[in-house]
């Protein structure tokens, strides 16, 4: 692993993400020849986590710095098979200039 590649990937993105920074520190320390227990103390992480980051770097490269590689969190959008069984409510609002009133109608579909 070339440490300059990891460093430029972090700097170029300009991220202040703690996760990304700690993963980059892990890879830099690994490239420097440090052992897993030393790296774990450096980044204040579990030894298994350090091993996971290094293994993931060997599999997918710098994409392992992205906090989303673990697959956690909510999906960005609903799946294509999602069906709204409860229906959809539409709201239509209007402002009447003559009466100076604001009113609206809810419709269930």
Protein backbone atom coordinates (compact mmCIF):
# COMPACT_ATOMS: atom_id res chain seq x y z
CA UNK A 1 0.00 0.00 0.00
CA UNK A 2 1.32 3.46 -0.84
CA UNK A 3 0.64 5.90 1.97
CA UNK A 4 0.66 8.90 -0.38
CA UNK A 5 -2.40 7.52 -2.19
CA UNK A 6 -4.43 7.31 1.01
CA UNK A 7 -3.37 10.78 2.15
CA UNK A 8 -4.28 12.43 -1.16
CA UNK A 9 -7.67 10.70 -1.19
CA UNK A 10 -8.54 12.12 2.21
CA UNK A 11 -7.25 15.63 1.51
CA UNK A 12 -8.84 15.87 -1.94
CA UNK A 13 -12.31 15.22 -0.59
CA UNK A 14 -11.86 17.74 2.24
CA UNK A 15 -14.01 15.71 4.58
CA UNK A 16 -14.03 16.31 8.31
CA UNK A 17 -15.71 13.00 8.95
CA UNK A 18 -14.34 11.38 12.08
CA UNK A 19 -14.97 7.90 10.72
CA UNK A 20 -13.12 8.61 7.49
CA UNK A 21 -10.23 10.22 9.37
CA UNK A 22 -9.85 7.30 11.79
CA UNK A 23 -9.96 4.77 8.96
CA UNK A 24 -7.31 6.74 7.06
CA UNK A 25 -5.17 6.86 10.21
CA UNK A 26 -5.56 3.09 10.51
CA UNK A 27 -4.38 2.54 6.94
CA UNK A 28 -1.50 4.98 7.29
CA UNK A 29 -0.30 3.27 10.47
CA UNK A 30 -0.63 -0.12 8.79
CA UNK A 31 1.39 1.09 5.82
CA UNK A 32 4.03 2.28 8.27
CA UNK A 33 4.48 -1.29 9.50
CA UNK A 34 2.74 -0.95 12.88
CA UNK A 35 1.10 -3.98 14.44
CA UNK A 36 -2.67 -4.19 15.01
CA UNK A 37 -2.56 -3.64 18.82
CA UNK A 38 -0.50 -0.46 18.34
CA UNK A 39 -2.88 0.84 15.66
CA UNK A 40 -5.90 0.04 17.85
CA UNK A 41 -4.46 2.16 20.67
CA UNK A 42 -3.60 4.95 18.24
CA UNK A 43 -7.11 5.29 16.81
CA UNK A 44 -8.85 4.20 20.03
CA UNK A 45 -10.64 1.30 18.38
CA UNK A 46 -11.01 -2.41 18.94
CA UNK A 47 -8.39 -4.67 17.33
CA UNK A 48 -11.08 -6.48 15.34
CA UNK A 49 -12.26 -3.15 13.92
CA UNK A 50 -8.71 -2.35 12.82
CA UNK A 51 -8.41 -5.74 11.13
CA UNK A 52 -11.79 -5.21 9.41
CA UNK A 53 -10.71 -1.83 8.00
CA UNK A 54 -7.42 -3.24 6.70
CA UNK A 55 -9.12 -6.29 5.19
CA UNK A 56 -11.77 -4.11 3.58
CA UNK A 57 -9.05 -1.86 2.12
CA UNK A 58 -7.43 -4.92 0.56
CA UNK A 59 -10.79 -5.84 -1.01
CA UNK A 60 -12.18 -2.51 -2.27
CA UNK A 61 -9.35 0.03 -1.93
CA UNK A 62 -9.98 3.63 -0.87
CA UNK A 63 -13.74 3.14 -0.97
CA UNK A 64 -13.35 1.61 2.50
CA UNK A 65 -12.86 5.13 3.86
CA UNK A 66 -16.51 5.91 3.13
CA UNK A 67 -18.62 5.55 6.31
CA UNK A 68 -21.35 3.75 4.34
CA UNK A 69 -19.33 0.65 3.35
CA UNK A 70 -20.60 -1.17 6.42
CA UNK A 71 -24.10 -1.25 4.92
CA UNK A 72 -25.79 0.29 7.91
CA UNK A 73 -28.40 3.00 8.04
CA UNK A 74 -31.63 3.51 6.19
CA UNK A 75 -31.99 3.10 2.45
CA UNK A 76 -31.94 6.34 0.43
CA UNK A 77 -35.33 5.62 -1.14
CA UNK A 78 -38.22 3.20 -0.97
CA UNK A 79 -37.93 -0.08 -2.89
CA UNK A 80 -39.75 -0.34 -6.22
CA UNK A 81 -42.11 -2.96 -4.73
CA UNK A 82 -43.36 -0.60 -1.98
CA UNK A 83 -47.16 -0.28 -1.97
CA UNK A 84 -49.10 2.31 0.04
CA UNK A 85 -51.98 0.30 1.45
CA UNK A 86 -53.36 3.27 3.41
CA UNK A 87 -53.79 5.51 0.37
CA UNK A 88 -52.48 9.00 -0.24
CA UNK A 89 -53.79 12.32 1.06
CA UNK A 90 -53.58 15.36 -1.23
CA UNK A 91 -53.80 18.91 0.07
CA UNK A 92 -54.90 21.81 -2.12
CA UNK A 93 -54.49 25.25 -0.57
CA UNK A 94 -55.71 28.60 -1.88
CA UNK A 95 -55.51 32.24 -0.90
CA UNK A 96 -58.50 34.43 -1.68
CA UNK A 97 -57.35 38.01 -2.33
CA UNK A 98 -60.84 39.51 -2.15
CA UNK A 99 -61.73 37.91 1.20
CA UNK A 100 -58.11 37.95 2.46
CA UNK A 101 -58.48 34.35 3.63
CA UNK A 102 -56.40 31.24 3.35
CA UNK A 103 -58.21 27.93 2.95
CA UNK A 104 -57.47 24.37 1.87
CA UNK A 105 -59.03 21.02 1.04
CA UNK A 106 -57.75 17.53 1.98
CA UNK A 107 -58.63 14.70 -0.42
CA UNK A 108 -58.06 11.02 0.21
CA UNK A 109 -57.02 8.85 -2.78
